[in-house]
Amino acid sequence: MTPASEDEVGREWPFDYVRTALWFLAADASVKRAYLPGPFPETSFECAWGQSSTTCPLQFILMFCIEAIHAGIHCEEWDEAQEPNVVRDQLFRELHGIVWGAQAIAPESGIAFSMLESQSDSPFVGLCNAAQRYAVDISQRLSWGSVQEYPCIPCEHLLDENSNGSYSAAVNR
């Protein structure tokens, strides 16, 4: 999608996608777990760096968050009255690096959520906790209100949109 364009149901790119990524990253582990579907058959997804295949919803959503945050870095249409460009862009860049690191070392979803819920002492949990703090801070700086509001875009829609419909076909929807 191009900057400030809308999809078929009126979701605006990149705003609603960035907001959804920030919401997910800011959510508690139990909310994240509830947002994601269960494992699914191996599905290929389009992403900024090419195609990627996974059966793990956590891997997918972290890839989505990386792409949405990247769009946030490069969006020229933010309300500049809310935050100077340099500060906002730096926060987005730092969050992008944190989520990239978390995605690279993320275990399977069930293990990951157990680690997050118990706050185990692991690099993955540390990166997720840092991403959570950054997501809350950015959302507040953009005056988007509480990050606890329901996400703009359901996960199943993101899965289907980024797989060109093969997610729905794989799970027989």
N, C-alpha and C. Protein backbone atom coordinates (compact mmCIF):
# COMPACT_ATOMS: atom_id res chain seq x y z
N MET A 1 0.84 -1.18 0.00
CA MET A 1 0.00 0.00 0.00
C MET A 1 0.88 1.24 0.00
N THR A 2 0.35 2.31 -0.48
CA THR A 2 1.08 3.56 -0.53
C THR A 2 0.74 4.39 0.70
N PRO A 3 1.59 5.38 1.04
CA PRO A 3 1.30 6.19 2.22
C PRO A 3 -0.11 6.78 2.15
N ALA A 4 -0.77 6.74 3.30
CA ALA A 4 -2.10 7.31 3.48
C ALA A 4 -3.13 6.75 2.51
N SER A 5 -2.99 5.49 2.12
CA SER A 5 -4.01 4.85 1.28
C SER A 5 -4.91 4.01 2.17
N GLU A 6 -6.06 3.60 1.64
CA GLU A 6 -6.99 2.78 2.40
C GLU A 6 -7.16 1.43 1.74
N ASP A 7 -7.36 0.39 2.57
CA ASP A 7 -7.64 -0.93 2.01
C ASP A 7 -9.14 -1.05 1.73
N GLU A 8 -9.59 -2.25 1.37
CA GLU A 8 -10.97 -2.44 0.94
C GLU A 8 -11.99 -2.21 2.04
N VAL A 9 -11.60 -2.23 3.29
CA VAL A 9 -12.55 -1.98 4.38
C VAL A 9 -12.26 -0.66 5.09
N GLY A 10 -11.49 0.21 4.48
CA GLY A 10 -11.27 1.54 5.01
C GLY A 10 -10.16 1.67 6.03
N ARG A 11 -9.29 0.69 6.13
CA ARG A 11 -8.15 0.81 7.03
C ARG A 11 -7.08 1.64 6.34
N GLU A 12 -6.58 2.61 7.06
CA GLU A 12 -5.63 3.53 6.44
C GLU A 12 -4.19 3.08 6.67
N TRP A 13 -3.44 3.02 5.58
CA TRP A 13 -2.02 2.68 5.62
C TRP A 13 -1.24 3.98 5.66
N PRO A 14 -0.26 4.11 6.53
CA PRO A 14 0.22 3.13 7.52
C PRO A 14 -0.40 3.29 8.90
N PHE A 15 -1.23 4.29 9.11
CA PHE A 15 -1.67 4.63 10.46
C PHE A 15 -2.31 3.48 11.21
N ASP A 16 -3.33 2.84 10.65
CA ASP A 16 -4.01 1.76 11.36
C ASP A 16 -3.10 0.55 11.55
N TYR A 17 -2.18 0.33 10.64
CA TYR A 17 -1.24 -0.79 10.75
C TYR A 17 -0.19 -0.51 11.82
N VAL A 18 0.32 0.71 11.86
CA VAL A 18 1.28 1.08 12.91
C VAL A 18 0.59 1.03 14.26
N ARG A 19 -0.63 1.55 14.35
CA ARG A 19 -1.39 1.53 15.61
C ARG A 19 -1.61 0.09 16.08
N THR A 20 -1.92 -0.82 15.16
CA THR A 20 -2.12 -2.22 15.52
C THR A 20 -0.82 -2.83 16.03
N ALA A 21 0.29 -2.55 15.35
CA ALA A 21 1.59 -3.07 15.80
C ALA A 21 1.94 -2.55 17.19
N LEU A 22 1.75 -1.25 17.40
CA LEU A 22 2.05 -0.67 18.72
C LEU A 22 1.15 -1.27 19.79
N TRP A 23 -0.14 -1.46 19.46
CA TRP A 23 -1.06 -2.08 20.42
C TRP A 23 -0.56 -3.47 20.81
N PHE A 24 -0.20 -4.28 19.81
CA PHE A 24 0.24 -5.64 20.10
C PHE A 24 1.50 -5.62 20.97
N LEU A 25 2.47 -4.81 20.60
CA LEU A 25 3.72 -4.77 21.35
C LEU A 25 3.52 -4.26 22.77
N ALA A 26 2.56 -3.38 22.98
CA ALA A 26 2.31 -2.81 24.31
C ALA A 26 1.45 -3.71 25.20
N ALA A 27 0.77 -4.67 24.61
CA ALA A 27 -0.15 -5.53 25.36
C ALA A 27 0.60 -6.47 26.30
N ASP A 28 -0.11 -6.89 27.35
CA ASP A 28 0.43 -7.91 28.25
C ASP A 28 0.44 -9.26 27.53
N ALA A 29 1.22 -10.19 28.05
CA ALA A 29 1.37 -11.51 27.42
C ALA A 29 0.04 -12.22 27.23
N SER A 30 -0.85 -12.15 28.21
CA SER A 30 -2.13 -12.86 28.07
C SER A 30 -2.99 -12.26 26.98
N VAL A 31 -2.93 -10.95 26.80
CA VAL A 31 -3.69 -10.28 25.74
C VAL A 31 -3.10 -10.65 24.38
N LYS A 32 -1.77 -10.68 24.31
CA LYS A 32 -1.11 -11.08 23.06
C LYS A 32 -1.51 -12.50 22.68
N ARG A 33 -1.47 -13.39 23.65
CA ARG A 33 -1.82 -14.79 23.40
C ARG A 33 -3.25 -14.90 22.87
N ALA A 34 -4.18 -14.15 23.47
CA ALA A 34 -5.59 -14.19 23.07
C ALA A 34 -5.79 -13.60 21.66
N TYR A 35 -4.98 -12.64 21.27
CA TYR A 35 -5.11 -11.99 19.96
C TYR A 35 -4.70 -12.92 18.82
N LEU A 36 -3.70 -13.76 19.07
CA LEU A 36 -3.17 -14.62 18.01
C LEU A 36 -3.97 -15.91 17.88
N PRO A 37 -4.13 -16.39 16.63
CA PRO A 37 -4.76 -17.71 16.45
C PRO A 37 -3.76 -18.80 16.84
N GLY A 38 -4.22 -20.03 16.85
CA GLY A 38 -3.32 -21.14 17.12
C GLY A 38 -2.41 -21.40 15.93
N PRO A 39 -1.52 -22.39 16.06
CA PRO A 39 -0.64 -22.74 14.94
C PRO A 39 -1.48 -23.07 13.71
N PHE A 40 -0.90 -22.87 12.55
CA PHE A 40 -1.60 -23.10 11.29
C PHE A 40 -0.65 -23.80 10.34
N PRO A 41 -1.18 -24.38 9.25
CA PRO A 41 -0.30 -25.03 8.28
C PRO A 41 0.73 -24.04 7.73
N GLU A 42 1.88 -24.53 7.34
CA GLU A 42 2.93 -23.64 6.83
C GLU A 42 2.36 -22.75 5.73
N THR A 43 2.57 -21.47 5.90
CA THR A 43 2.03 -20.46 5.00
C THR A 43 3.11 -19.47 4.65
N SER A 44 3.15 -19.05 3.40
CA SER A 44 4.12 -18.04 2.95
C SER A 44 3.49 -16.66 3.08
N PHE A 45 4.30 -15.73 3.57
CA PHE A 45 3.85 -14.36 3.76
C PHE A 45 4.77 -13.41 3.02
N GLU A 46 4.16 -12.36 2.48
CA GLU A 46 4.92 -11.28 1.84
C GLU A 46 5.36 -10.32 2.93
N CYS A 47 6.62 -9.92 2.88
CA CYS A 47 7.09 -8.90 3.81
C CYS A 47 8.10 -8.02 3.07
N ALA A 48 8.51 -6.95 3.70
CA ALA A 48 9.37 -5.97 3.05
C ALA A 48 10.67 -6.58 2.54
N TRP A 49 11.16 -7.60 3.20
CA TRP A 49 12.43 -8.19 2.79
C TRP A 49 12.26 -9.44 1.95
N GLY A 50 11.05 -9.68 1.46
CA GLY A 50 10.81 -10.83 0.59
C GLY A 50 9.72 -11.71 1.14
N GLN A 51 9.81 -13.00 0.88
CA GLN A 51 8.83 -13.95 1.38
C GLN A 51 9.40 -14.70 2.56
N SER A 52 8.51 -15.07 3.46
CA SER A 52 8.88 -15.85 4.63
C SER A 52 7.77 -16.85 4.88
N SER A 53 8.13 -18.04 5.31
CA SER A 53 7.14 -19.08 5.63
C SER A 53 7.20 -19.40 7.11
N THR A 54 6.03 -19.64 7.70
CA THR A 54 5.98 -20.02 9.11
C THR A 54 4.67 -20.74 9.40
N THR A 55 4.65 -21.45 10.52
CA THR A 55 3.44 -22.05 11.06
C THR A 55 3.13 -21.40 12.41
N CYS A 56 3.94 -20.44 12.79
CA CYS A 56 3.88 -19.84 14.12
C CYS A 56 3.28 -18.43 14.06
N PRO A 57 2.12 -18.23 14.69
CA PRO A 57 1.49 -16.91 14.66
C PRO A 57 2.36 -15.82 15.30
N LEU A 58 3.14 -16.16 16.32
CA LEU A 58 4.01 -15.15 16.94
C LEU A 58 5.08 -14.68 15.96
N GLN A 59 5.68 -15.61 15.23
CA GLN A 59 6.67 -15.23 14.22
C GLN A 59 6.05 -14.29 13.19
N PHE A 60 4.84 -14.64 12.75
CA PHE A 60 4.18 -13.79 11.76
C PHE A 60 3.95 -12.39 12.31
N ILE A 61 3.35 -12.28 13.52
CA ILE A 61 2.98 -10.95 14.02
C ILE A 61 4.22 -10.12 14.29
N LEU A 62 5.31 -10.73 14.70
CA LEU A 62 6.54 -9.96 14.88
C LEU A 62 7.07 -9.45 13.54
N MET A 63 6.96 -10.28 12.48
CA MET A 63 7.34 -9.81 11.14
C MET A 63 6.45 -8.65 10.72
N PHE A 64 5.15 -8.77 10.98
CA PHE A 64 4.22 -7.69 10.67
C PHE A 64 4.60 -6.41 11.42
N CYS A 65 4.90 -6.54 12.71
CA CYS A 65 5.26 -5.37 13.52
C CYS A 65 6.52 -4.69 12.97
N ILE A 66 7.50 -5.46 12.56
CA ILE A 66 8.72 -4.89 11.98
C ILE A 66 8.37 -4.06 10.76
N GLU A 67 7.54 -4.59 9.91
CA GLU A 67 7.16 -3.88 8.68
C GLU A 67 6.33 -2.64 8.98
N ALA A 68 5.39 -2.73 9.90
CA ALA A 68 4.56 -1.58 10.25
C ALA A 68 5.39 -0.48 10.90
N ILE A 69 6.29 -0.86 11.79
CA ILE A 69 7.15 0.13 12.45
C ILE A 69 8.05 0.80 11.42
N HIS A 70 8.56 0.02 10.48
CA HIS A 70 9.37 0.60 9.40
C HIS A 70 8.57 1.64 8.63
N ALA A 71 7.31 1.36 8.37
CA ALA A 71 6.44 2.33 7.69
C ALA A 71 6.27 3.57 8.56
N GLY A 72 6.19 3.38 9.87
CA GLY A 72 6.06 4.51 10.78
C GLY A 72 7.28 5.41 10.76
N ILE A 73 8.45 4.82 10.60
CA ILE A 73 9.68 5.61 10.53
C ILE A 73 9.64 6.53 9.32
N HIS A 74 9.13 6.03 8.22
CA HIS A 74 9.20 6.76 6.95
C HIS A 74 7.93 7.53 6.60
N CYS A 75 6.95 7.57 7.50
CA CYS A 75 5.72 8.30 7.21
C CYS A 75 5.94 9.79 7.43
N GLU A 76 5.64 10.57 6.43
CA GLU A 76 5.84 12.01 6.52
C GLU A 76 4.57 12.74 6.94
N GLU A 77 3.51 12.00 7.26
CA GLU A 77 2.22 12.62 7.51
C GLU A 77 1.79 12.61 8.98
N TRP A 78 2.72 12.34 9.90
CA TRP A 78 2.38 12.39 11.30
C TRP A 78 2.08 13.83 11.70
N ASP A 79 1.33 14.00 12.75
CA ASP A 79 1.01 15.34 13.25
C ASP A 79 2.25 15.90 13.94
N GLU A 80 2.95 16.77 13.25
CA GLU A 80 4.21 17.31 13.76
C GLU A 80 4.02 18.15 15.02
N ALA A 81 2.82 18.62 15.29
CA ALA A 81 2.59 19.40 16.51
C ALA A 81 2.73 18.52 17.75
N GLN A 82 2.56 17.21 17.60
CA GLN A 82 2.61 16.31 18.75
C GLN A 82 4.03 15.96 19.18
N GLU A 83 4.94 15.83 18.24
CA GLU A 83 6.29 15.37 18.57
C GLU A 83 7.25 15.80 17.49
N PRO A 84 8.36 16.39 17.86
CA PRO A 84 9.35 16.73 16.83
C PRO A 84 9.76 15.48 16.05
N ASN A 85 9.92 15.63 14.78
CA ASN A 85 10.25 14.55 13.87
C ASN A 85 11.43 13.71 14.32
N VAL A 86 12.50 14.34 14.76
CA VAL A 86 13.73 13.64 15.12
C VAL A 86 13.50 12.68 16.28
N VAL A 87 12.80 13.13 17.30
CA VAL A 87 12.56 12.29 18.48
C VAL A 87 11.67 11.10 18.11
N ARG A 88 10.56 11.37 17.42
CA ARG A 88 9.64 10.30 17.04
C ARG A 88 10.34 9.27 16.15
N ASP A 89 11.06 9.75 15.14
CA ASP A 89 11.74 8.83 14.24
C ASP A 89 12.79 8.00 14.97
N GLN A 90 13.49 8.60 15.93
CA GLN A 90 14.49 7.85 16.70
C GLN A 90 13.83 6.77 17.54
N LEU A 91 12.69 7.09 18.15
CA LEU A 91 11.98 6.08 18.93
C LEU A 91 11.51 4.93 18.04
N PHE A 92 10.98 5.26 16.86
CA PHE A 92 10.58 4.21 15.92
C PHE A 92 11.78 3.36 15.49
N ARG A 93 12.91 3.99 15.22
CA ARG A 93 14.11 3.22 14.81
C ARG A 93 14.57 2.28 15.92
N GLU A 94 14.59 2.78 17.14
CA GLU A 94 15.01 1.93 18.26
C GLU A 94 14.03 0.78 18.45
N LEU A 95 12.73 1.06 18.38
CA LEU A 95 11.73 0.00 18.50
C LEU A 95 11.88 -1.01 17.37
N HIS A 96 12.13 -0.56 16.17
CA HIS A 96 12.33 -1.45 15.01
C HIS A 96 13.47 -2.42 15.30
N GLY A 97 14.59 -1.93 15.81
CA GLY A 97 15.73 -2.80 16.13
C GLY A 97 15.42 -3.79 17.23
N ILE A 98 14.68 -3.35 18.23
CA ILE A 98 14.31 -4.24 19.33
C ILE A 98 13.42 -5.37 18.84
N VAL A 99 12.41 -5.04 18.05
CA VAL A 99 11.48 -6.07 17.56
C VAL A 99 12.19 -7.00 16.58
N TRP A 100 13.07 -6.45 15.77
CA TRP A 100 13.86 -7.29 14.85
C TRP A 100 14.65 -8.33 15.65
N GLY A 101 15.27 -7.89 16.74
CA GLY A 101 16.03 -8.81 17.59
C GLY A 101 15.14 -9.85 18.24
N ALA A 102 13.97 -9.44 18.73
CA ALA A 102 13.04 -10.39 19.36
C ALA A 102 12.56 -11.42 18.35
N GLN A 103 12.25 -10.97 17.14
CA GLN A 103 11.76 -11.89 16.11
C GLN A 103 12.84 -12.91 15.75
N ALA A 104 14.08 -12.48 15.73
CA ALA A 104 15.18 -13.37 15.34
C ALA A 104 15.39 -14.49 16.34
N ILE A 105 15.07 -14.26 17.61
CA ILE A 105 15.32 -15.29 18.63
C ILE A 105 14.04 -15.84 19.25
N ALA A 106 12.88 -15.48 18.70
CA ALA A 106 11.61 -15.91 19.28
C ALA A 106 11.44 -17.42 19.20
N PRO A 107 11.12 -18.05 20.33
CA PRO A 107 10.80 -19.48 20.30
C PRO A 107 9.38 -19.70 19.79
N GLU A 108 8.96 -20.93 19.71
CA GLU A 108 7.59 -21.29 19.32
C GLU A 108 6.62 -20.55 20.26
N SER A 109 5.44 -20.21 19.76
CA SER A 109 4.49 -19.36 20.49
C SER A 109 4.19 -19.83 21.91
N GLY A 110 3.89 -21.11 22.10
CA GLY A 110 3.55 -21.60 23.43
C GLY A 110 4.67 -21.38 24.42
N ILE A 111 5.89 -21.68 24.01
CA ILE A 111 7.05 -21.47 24.87
C ILE A 111 7.26 -19.99 25.12
N ALA A 112 7.15 -19.19 24.07
CA ALA A 112 7.36 -17.75 24.19
C ALA A 112 6.39 -17.14 25.20
N PHE A 113 5.11 -17.50 25.12
CA PHE A 113 4.12 -16.92 26.03
C PHE A 113 4.33 -17.41 27.46
N SER A 114 4.76 -18.64 27.64
CA SER A 114 5.09 -19.11 28.98
C SER A 114 6.24 -18.30 29.56
N MET A 115 7.24 -18.03 28.73
CA MET A 115 8.39 -17.22 29.16
C MET A 115 7.94 -15.81 29.52
N LEU A 116 7.08 -15.21 28.67
CA LEU A 116 6.62 -13.85 28.91
C LEU A 116 5.75 -13.76 30.17
N GLU A 117 4.86 -14.73 30.35
CA GLU A 117 3.97 -14.70 31.50
C GLU A 117 4.73 -14.91 32.81
N SER A 118 5.79 -15.70 32.77
CA SER A 118 6.58 -15.93 33.99
C SER A 118 7.71 -14.91 34.13
N GLN A 119 7.87 -14.06 33.11
CA GLN A 119 8.95 -13.06 33.08
C GLN A 119 10.31 -13.73 33.32
N SER A 120 10.54 -14.83 32.59
CA SER A 120 11.81 -15.55 32.73
C SER A 120 12.97 -14.63 32.34
N ASP A 121 14.10 -14.95 32.87
CA ASP A 121 15.31 -14.17 32.60
C ASP A 121 15.93 -14.66 31.30
N SER A 122 15.45 -14.11 30.18
CA SER A 122 15.96 -14.51 28.88
C SER A 122 16.08 -13.29 27.99
N PRO A 123 16.96 -13.34 26.99
CA PRO A 123 17.07 -12.20 26.06
C PRO A 123 15.74 -11.91 25.35
N PHE A 124 14.99 -12.94 25.00
CA PHE A 124 13.70 -12.74 24.32
C PHE A 124 12.75 -11.92 25.19
N VAL A 125 12.61 -12.29 26.45
CA VAL A 125 11.72 -11.57 27.37
C VAL A 125 12.22 -10.14 27.57
N GLY A 126 13.51 -9.96 27.70
CA GLY A 126 14.07 -8.62 27.84
C GLY A 126 13.74 -7.73 26.66
N LEU A 127 13.87 -8.28 25.45
CA LEU A 127 13.55 -7.51 24.24
C LEU A 127 12.05 -7.21 24.17
N CYS A 128 11.21 -8.17 24.53
CA CYS A 128 9.76 -7.94 24.52
C CYS A 128 9.36 -6.87 25.54
N ASN A 129 9.98 -6.89 26.70
CA ASN A 129 9.68 -5.87 27.72
C ASN A 129 10.11 -4.49 27.24
N ALA A 130 11.27 -4.41 26.59
CA ALA A 130 11.73 -3.13 26.05
C ALA A 130 10.78 -2.65 24.94
N ALA A 131 10.35 -3.56 24.07
CA ALA A 131 9.41 -3.20 23.00
C ALA A 131 8.11 -2.70 23.58
N GLN A 132 7.66 -3.31 24.67
CA GLN A 132 6.43 -2.87 25.31
C GLN A 132 6.55 -1.43 25.81
N ARG A 133 7.67 -1.10 26.45
CA ARG A 133 7.88 0.28 26.94
C ARG A 133 7.92 1.28 25.80
N TYR A 134 8.63 0.95 24.73
CA TYR A 134 8.72 1.85 23.58
C TYR A 134 7.35 2.04 22.92
N ALA A 135 6.60 0.96 22.77
CA ALA A 135 5.28 1.05 22.11
C ALA A 135 4.34 1.96 22.90
N VAL A 136 4.35 1.83 24.21
CA VAL A 136 3.52 2.70 25.05
C VAL A 136 3.96 4.15 24.89
N ASP A 137 5.27 4.39 24.94
CA ASP A 137 5.79 5.75 24.82
C ASP A 137 5.43 6.38 23.48
N ILE A 138 5.62 5.66 22.40
CA ILE A 138 5.31 6.20 21.06
C ILE A 138 3.82 6.50 20.94
N SER A 139 2.97 5.57 21.40
CA SER A 139 1.53 5.79 21.32
C SER A 139 1.11 7.04 22.08
N GLN A 140 1.70 7.25 23.24
CA GLN A 140 1.38 8.44 24.02
C GLN A 140 1.88 9.70 23.32
N ARG A 141 3.06 9.65 22.73
CA ARG A 141 3.61 10.81 22.04
C ARG A 141 2.80 11.17 20.79
N LEU A 142 2.17 10.18 20.18
CA LEU A 142 1.34 10.44 19.00
C LEU A 142 -0.11 10.75 19.40
N SER A 143 -0.38 10.83 20.68
CA SER A 143 -1.72 11.14 21.20
C SER A 143 -2.78 10.17 20.68
N TRP A 144 -2.44 8.89 20.65
CA TRP A 144 -3.37 7.88 20.18
C TRP A 144 -4.20 7.28 21.30
N GLY A 145 -4.05 7.78 22.48
CA GLY A 145 -4.83 7.26 23.58
C GLY A 145 -4.26 5.97 24.13
N SER A 146 -5.08 5.28 24.87
CA SER A 146 -4.65 4.06 25.54
C SER A 146 -4.28 2.97 24.55
N VAL A 147 -3.14 2.37 24.78
CA VAL A 147 -2.75 1.24 23.94
C VAL A 147 -3.53 -0.02 24.32
N GLN A 148 -4.35 0.06 25.35
CA GLN A 148 -5.15 -1.09 25.76
C GLN A 148 -6.45 -1.21 24.97
N GLU A 149 -6.75 -0.24 24.10
CA GLU A 149 -7.94 -0.34 23.27
C GLU A 149 -7.78 -1.51 22.31
N TYR A 150 -8.90 -2.04 21.85
CA TYR A 150 -8.84 -3.17 20.93
C TYR A 150 -8.08 -2.78 19.66
N PRO A 151 -7.27 -3.67 19.13
CA PRO A 151 -6.48 -3.34 17.94
C PRO A 151 -7.37 -2.99 16.74
N CYS A 152 -6.83 -2.18 15.87
CA CYS A 152 -7.57 -1.75 14.70
C CYS A 152 -7.86 -2.90 13.75
N ILE A 153 -6.93 -3.81 13.61
CA ILE A 153 -7.03 -4.84 12.58
C ILE A 153 -6.93 -6.23 13.23
N PRO A 154 -7.93 -7.10 13.03
CA PRO A 154 -7.86 -8.46 13.58
C PRO A 154 -6.67 -9.23 12.99
N CYS A 155 -6.09 -10.08 13.80
CA CYS A 155 -4.91 -10.84 13.37
C CYS A 155 -5.21 -11.70 12.14
N GLU A 156 -6.37 -12.32 12.10
CA GLU A 156 -6.70 -13.17 10.95
C GLU A 156 -6.71 -12.37 9.65
N HIS A 157 -7.15 -11.11 9.71
CA HIS A 157 -7.12 -10.26 8.52
C HIS A 157 -5.67 -10.00 8.09
N LEU A 158 -4.81 -9.70 9.05
CA LEU A 158 -3.39 -9.46 8.73
C LEU A 158 -2.75 -10.70 8.12
N LEU A 159 -3.06 -11.86 8.70
CA LEU A 159 -2.52 -13.12 8.18
C LEU A 159 -2.97 -13.33 6.73
N ASP A 160 -4.25 -13.12 6.48
CA ASP A 160 -4.79 -13.34 5.14
C ASP A 160 -4.26 -12.30 4.15
N GLU A 161 -4.23 -11.05 4.57
CA GLU A 161 -3.76 -9.98 3.69
C GLU A 161 -2.30 -10.18 3.29
N ASN A 162 -1.48 -10.59 4.24
CA ASN A 162 -0.05 -10.74 3.97
C ASN A 162 0.32 -12.07 3.33
N SER A 163 -0.65 -12.97 3.22
CA SER A 163 -0.40 -14.25 2.55
C SER A 163 -1.14 -14.34 1.22
N ASN A 164 -1.71 -13.22 0.79
CA ASN A 164 -2.50 -13.19 -0.45
C ASN A 164 -3.62 -14.23 -0.43
N GLY A 165 -4.24 -14.41 0.73
CA GLY A 165 -5.37 -15.31 0.87
C GLY A 165 -5.02 -16.75 1.19
N SER A 166 -3.74 -17.11 1.17
CA SER A 166 -3.40 -18.52 1.40
C SER A 166 -3.59 -18.93 2.86
N TYR A 167 -3.58 -17.99 3.81
CA TYR A 167 -3.86 -18.35 5.21
C TYR A 167 -5.28 -18.90 5.33
N SER A 168 -6.27 -18.18 4.79
CA SER A 168 -7.66 -18.65 4.87
C SER A 168 -7.82 -19.99 4.17
N ALA A 169 -7.19 -20.14 3.03
CA ALA A 169 -7.27 -21.41 2.31
C ALA A 169 -6.65 -22.53 3.13
N ALA A 170 -5.54 -22.25 3.83
CA ALA A 170 -4.85 -23.28 4.62
C ALA A 170 -5.66 -23.72 5.83
N VAL A 171 -6.43 -22.80 6.41
CA VAL A 171 -7.22 -23.17 7.58
C VAL A 171 -8.70 -23.37 7.21
N ASN A 172 -8.98 -23.46 5.90
CA ASN A 172 -10.31 -23.73 5.37
C ASN A 172 -11.38 -22.74 5.84
N ARG A 173 -11.09 -21.45 5.68
CA ARG A 173 -12.09 -20.41 6.03
C ARG A 173 -12.77 -19.92 4.81
